[in-house]
């Protein structure tokens, strides 16, 4: 059986995946804003779902492909991930997302669409509810395919990417459908857009924990 990469390499894989998520996903938001809505909400949702899918295929066997601090925290809380590795993963995810956003800033110094920063279009309380529920859906699927041997196995990337795309379709116009503190942090820092930023920390962390514990509750022994 191949030896698992060390923590540094696993964290690097997480950072690369987070970079890809922000550069492609937030880049799609920028493209839509600068090219007369060429992608539309459906196109942007598809990009986010696809980049997550391909990065899971590319890095899942290396790092587990969390690509999301909320996912790492939830896995840690449910004892599916060692506490000693969690901080390195979160730092790498934030760094990768920030690098992706800064590269977008270098390419688009006019900051179109705030470089894809997530900003709620509804009251903060409503936005918080959406981020919690969106992330809970996502984490429920992630835990199912990542920890239950009876689940879809090799198709995990499709299931998770599909969930991201689905959430983005109905949640994107409301909150930007972040579900990921790193995805929100990078563009917020690069564009200086911090409106309602706390929602994108609190919502995904609570939602991921709820989704993880919900699957633990309903699963039965293999």
Protein backbone atom coordinates (compact mmCIF):
# COMPACT_ATOMS: atom_id res chain seq x y z
CA UNK A 1 0.00 0.00 0.00
CA UNK A 2 1.48 3.43 -0.95
CA UNK A 3 2.75 5.48 1.96
CA UNK A 4 0.58 8.46 2.87
CA UNK A 5 2.26 11.83 2.22
CA UNK A 6 3.58 13.74 5.22
CA UNK A 7 1.65 16.62 6.75
CA UNK A 8 3.54 19.29 4.81
CA UNK A 9 2.72 17.71 1.46
CA UNK A 10 -0.88 17.07 2.43
CA UNK A 11 -1.26 20.69 3.52
CA UNK A 12 0.31 21.82 0.25
CA UNK A 13 -2.25 19.77 -1.67
CA UNK A 14 -5.00 21.48 0.33
CA UNK A 15 -3.54 24.89 -0.49
CA UNK A 16 -3.33 24.12 -4.22
CA UNK A 17 -6.93 22.89 -4.26
CA UNK A 18 -8.14 26.02 -2.42
CA UNK A 19 -6.18 28.17 -4.88
CA UNK A 20 -7.93 26.44 -7.78
CA UNK A 21 -11.33 26.85 -6.13
CA UNK A 22 -10.95 30.60 -5.75
CA UNK A 23 -9.16 31.33 -9.01
CA UNK A 24 -11.65 29.30 -11.08
CA UNK A 25 -14.84 29.89 -9.07
CA UNK A 26 -14.34 33.55 -8.23
CA UNK A 27 -12.77 33.99 -11.63
CA UNK A 28 -16.09 32.85 -13.10
CA UNK A 29 -17.84 35.58 -11.12
CA UNK A 30 -15.37 38.12 -12.54
CA UNK A 31 -15.83 36.80 -16.07
CA UNK A 32 -19.58 37.08 -15.74
CA UNK A 33 -19.31 40.66 -14.51
CA UNK A 34 -16.89 41.79 -17.23
CA UNK A 35 -18.46 39.98 -20.19
CA UNK A 36 -22.14 40.95 -20.07
CA UNK A 37 -23.31 38.04 -17.96
CA UNK A 38 -21.76 35.46 -20.29
CA UNK A 39 -21.94 32.68 -17.71
CA UNK A 40 -25.01 33.57 -15.70
CA UNK A 41 -25.92 32.08 -12.32
CA UNK A 42 -26.09 28.57 -13.77
CA UNK A 43 -22.67 28.85 -15.37
CA UNK A 44 -21.05 30.16 -12.21
CA UNK A 45 -22.63 27.38 -10.17
CA UNK A 46 -21.34 24.84 -12.67
CA UNK A 47 -17.80 26.20 -12.43
CA UNK A 48 -17.80 25.96 -8.64
CA UNK A 49 -19.15 22.42 -8.73
CA UNK A 50 -16.69 21.32 -11.42
CA UNK A 51 -13.60 22.78 -9.80
CA UNK A 52 -14.46 21.06 -6.52
CA UNK A 53 -15.05 17.79 -8.38
CA UNK A 54 -11.76 17.84 -10.25
CA UNK A 55 -9.75 18.92 -7.21
CA UNK A 56 -11.22 16.05 -5.18
CA UNK A 57 -10.16 13.64 -7.91
CA UNK A 58 -6.72 15.27 -8.02
CA UNK A 59 -6.00 15.57 -4.29
CA UNK A 60 -8.41 13.28 -2.47
CA UNK A 61 -5.91 10.41 -2.31
CA UNK A 62 -3.25 12.79 -1.00
CA UNK A 63 -4.92 14.97 1.62
CA UNK A 64 -8.54 13.86 1.72
CA UNK A 65 -9.49 17.01 -0.24
CA UNK A 66 -11.17 19.00 2.51
CA UNK A 67 -10.49 22.30 0.66
CA UNK A 68 -12.53 24.02 3.36
CA UNK A 69 -11.75 24.97 6.99
CA UNK A 70 -15.34 24.21 8.01
CA UNK A 71 -14.98 20.67 6.65
CA UNK A 72 -11.68 20.19 8.47
CA UNK A 73 -13.19 21.45 11.73
CA UNK A 74 -16.26 19.20 11.37
CA UNK A 75 -14.12 16.14 10.62
CA UNK A 76 -12.03 16.98 13.68
CA UNK A 77 -15.09 17.36 15.91
CA UNK A 78 -16.45 13.99 14.76
CA UNK A 79 -13.03 12.35 15.27
CA UNK A 80 -12.51 11.52 11.60
CA UNK A 81 -9.43 13.76 11.45
CA UNK A 82 -6.55 14.20 13.94
CA UNK A 83 -6.54 17.45 15.90
CA UNK A 84 -2.79 17.76 15.49
CA UNK A 85 -3.16 18.15 11.70
CA UNK A 86 -6.19 20.44 11.63
CA UNK A 87 -4.37 23.76 12.07
CA UNK A 88 -1.96 23.04 9.22
CA UNK A 89 -4.87 22.22 6.91
CA UNK A 90 -6.80 25.38 7.82
CA UNK A 91 -3.75 27.61 7.36
CA UNK A 92 -2.99 26.00 3.99
CA UNK A 93 -6.59 26.41 2.82
CA UNK A 94 -6.65 30.09 3.80
CA UNK A 95 -3.26 30.69 2.17
CA UNK A 96 -4.25 28.96 -1.06
CA UNK A 97 -7.54 30.84 -1.28
CA UNK A 98 -5.78 34.13 -0.62
CA UNK A 99 -3.18 33.41 -3.30
CA UNK A 100 -5.95 32.68 -5.81
CA UNK A 101 -7.71 35.95 -4.96
CA UNK A 102 -4.49 37.97 -5.11
CA UNK A 103 -3.75 36.58 -8.55
CA UNK A 104 -7.21 37.67 -9.66
CA UNK A 105 -6.46 41.11 -8.21
CA UNK A 106 -3.22 41.26 -10.19
CA UNK A 107 -5.15 40.47 -13.37
CA UNK A 108 -8.14 42.70 -12.57
CA UNK A 109 -6.99 45.68 -10.51
CA UNK A 110 -10.38 47.36 -11.01
CA UNK A 111 -11.82 44.60 -8.78
CA UNK A 112 -14.91 43.72 -10.85
CA UNK A 113 -17.67 42.07 -8.80
CA UNK A 114 -15.39 42.54 -5.77
CA UNK A 115 -13.30 39.67 -7.19
CA UNK A 116 -16.07 37.23 -6.33
CA UNK A 117 -16.33 38.21 -2.66
CA UNK A 118 -19.42 36.83 -0.96
CA UNK A 119 -21.83 39.57 0.12
CA UNK A 120 -25.35 38.82 1.41
CA UNK A 121 -28.25 40.28 -0.57
CA UNK A 122 -30.72 39.70 2.26
CA UNK A 123 -30.84 40.45 5.98
CA UNK A 124 -27.93 39.03 7.96
CA UNK A 125 -30.14 36.61 9.88
CA UNK A 126 -31.55 35.15 6.67
CA UNK A 127 -28.10 34.94 5.13
CA UNK A 128 -26.81 33.11 8.20
CA UNK A 129 -29.62 30.56 7.99
CA UNK A 130 -28.82 29.94 4.33
CA UNK A 131 -25.09 29.47 4.94
CA UNK A 132 -25.77 27.06 7.81
CA UNK A 133 -28.22 24.96 5.78
CA UNK A 134 -26.18 25.01 2.55
CA UNK A 135 -23.09 23.85 4.40
CA UNK A 136 -25.03 21.23 6.35
CA UNK A 137 -26.26 19.73 3.06
CA UNK A 138 -22.70 19.71 1.74
CA UNK A 139 -21.17 18.20 4.87
CA UNK A 140 -23.86 15.53 5.11
CA UNK A 141 -22.88 14.35 1.63
CA UNK A 142 -19.14 14.63 2.33
CA UNK A 143 -19.35 12.53 5.49
CA UNK A 144 -21.49 9.95 3.71
CA UNK A 145 -19.10 9.40 0.81
CA UNK A 146 -15.90 9.87 2.81
CA UNK A 147 -16.55 7.74 5.87
CA UNK A 148 -19.20 5.15 4.96
CA UNK A 149 -17.90 2.25 2.86
CA UNK A 150 -21.40 1.53 1.61
CA UNK A 151 -21.62 4.92 -0.11
CA UNK A 152 -20.62 5.84 -3.65
CA UNK A 153 -16.86 5.30 -3.37
CA UNK A 154 -15.05 6.43 -6.51
CA UNK A 155 -17.97 8.69 -7.44
CA UNK A 156 -17.51 10.76 -4.27
CA UNK A 157 -16.10 13.69 -6.24
CA UNK A 158 -19.18 13.79 -8.45
CA UNK A 159 -21.53 13.69 -5.46
CA UNK A 160 -19.69 16.46 -3.61
CA UNK A 161 -19.17 18.64 -6.68
CA UNK A 162 -22.82 18.16 -7.56
CA UNK A 163 -23.86 19.28 -4.09
CA UNK A 164 -21.71 22.41 -4.37
CA UNK A 165 -23.29 23.20 -7.73
CA UNK A 166 -26.80 22.53 -6.42
CA UNK A 167 -26.27 24.74 -3.37
CA UNK A 168 -24.85 27.50 -5.56
CA UNK A 169 -27.85 27.37 -7.89
CA UNK A 170 -30.40 28.25 -5.23
CA UNK A 171 -28.18 29.88 -2.61
CA UNK A 172 -25.81 31.87 -4.80
CA UNK A 173 -28.17 34.80 -5.41
CA UNK A 174 -28.88 34.99 -1.66
CA UNK A 175 -25.44 34.77 -0.04
CA UNK A 176 -22.99 33.80 -2.76
CA UNK A 177 -23.25 30.23 -1.45
CA UNK A 178 -19.84 30.24 0.16
CA UNK A 179 -20.06 27.22 2.49
CA UNK A 180 -16.34 27.78 2.97
CA UNK A 181 -14.56 30.38 5.14
CA UNK A 182 -11.42 30.19 3.00
CA UNK A 183 -13.35 30.78 -0.22
CA UNK A 184 -14.83 33.95 1.36
CA UNK A 185 -11.66 35.11 3.10
CA UNK A 186 -9.40 35.28 0.03
CA UNK A 187 -11.61 37.55 -2.11
CA UNK A 188 -12.62 39.65 0.92
CA UNK A 189 -8.97 40.35 1.69
CA UNK A 190 -7.96 40.99 -1.93
CA UNK A 191 -10.90 43.29 -2.67
CA UNK A 192 -11.30 44.87 0.76
CA UNK A 193 -14.94 43.75 0.88
CA UNK A 194 -15.86 42.66 4.39
CA UNK A 195 -19.65 43.22 4.35
CA UNK A 196 -21.25 40.53 6.50
CA UNK A 197 -18.02 38.55 6.51
CA UNK A 198 -18.73 37.03 9.92
CA UNK A 199 -21.66 35.16 8.34
CA UNK A 200 -19.22 33.23 6.17
CA UNK A 201 -17.25 32.07 9.19
CA UNK A 202 -20.04 31.31 11.63
CA UNK A 203 -22.51 29.84 9.12
CA UNK A 204 -20.24 27.27 7.46
CA UNK A 205 -18.64 26.14 10.73
CA UNK A 206 -22.02 25.58 12.40
CA UNK A 207 -23.51 24.05 9.26
CA UNK A 208 -20.63 21.65 8.71
CA UNK A 209 -20.79 20.47 12.30
CA UNK A 210 -24.55 19.95 12.04
CA UNK A 211 -24.22 18.06 8.76
CA UNK A 212 -21.49 15.81 10.11
CA UNK A 213 -23.34 14.99 13.32
CA UNK A 214 -26.60 14.45 11.39
CA UNK A 215 -25.00 11.75 9.28
CA UNK A 216 -23.48 10.18 12.37
CA UNK A 217 -26.99 10.08 13.84
CA UNK A 218 -28.71 8.39 10.90
CA UNK A 219 -26.01 5.99 9.79
CA UNK A 220 -26.24 2.36 10.88
CA UNK A 221 -23.39 -0.08 11.43
CA UNK A 222 -21.97 -1.53 8.22
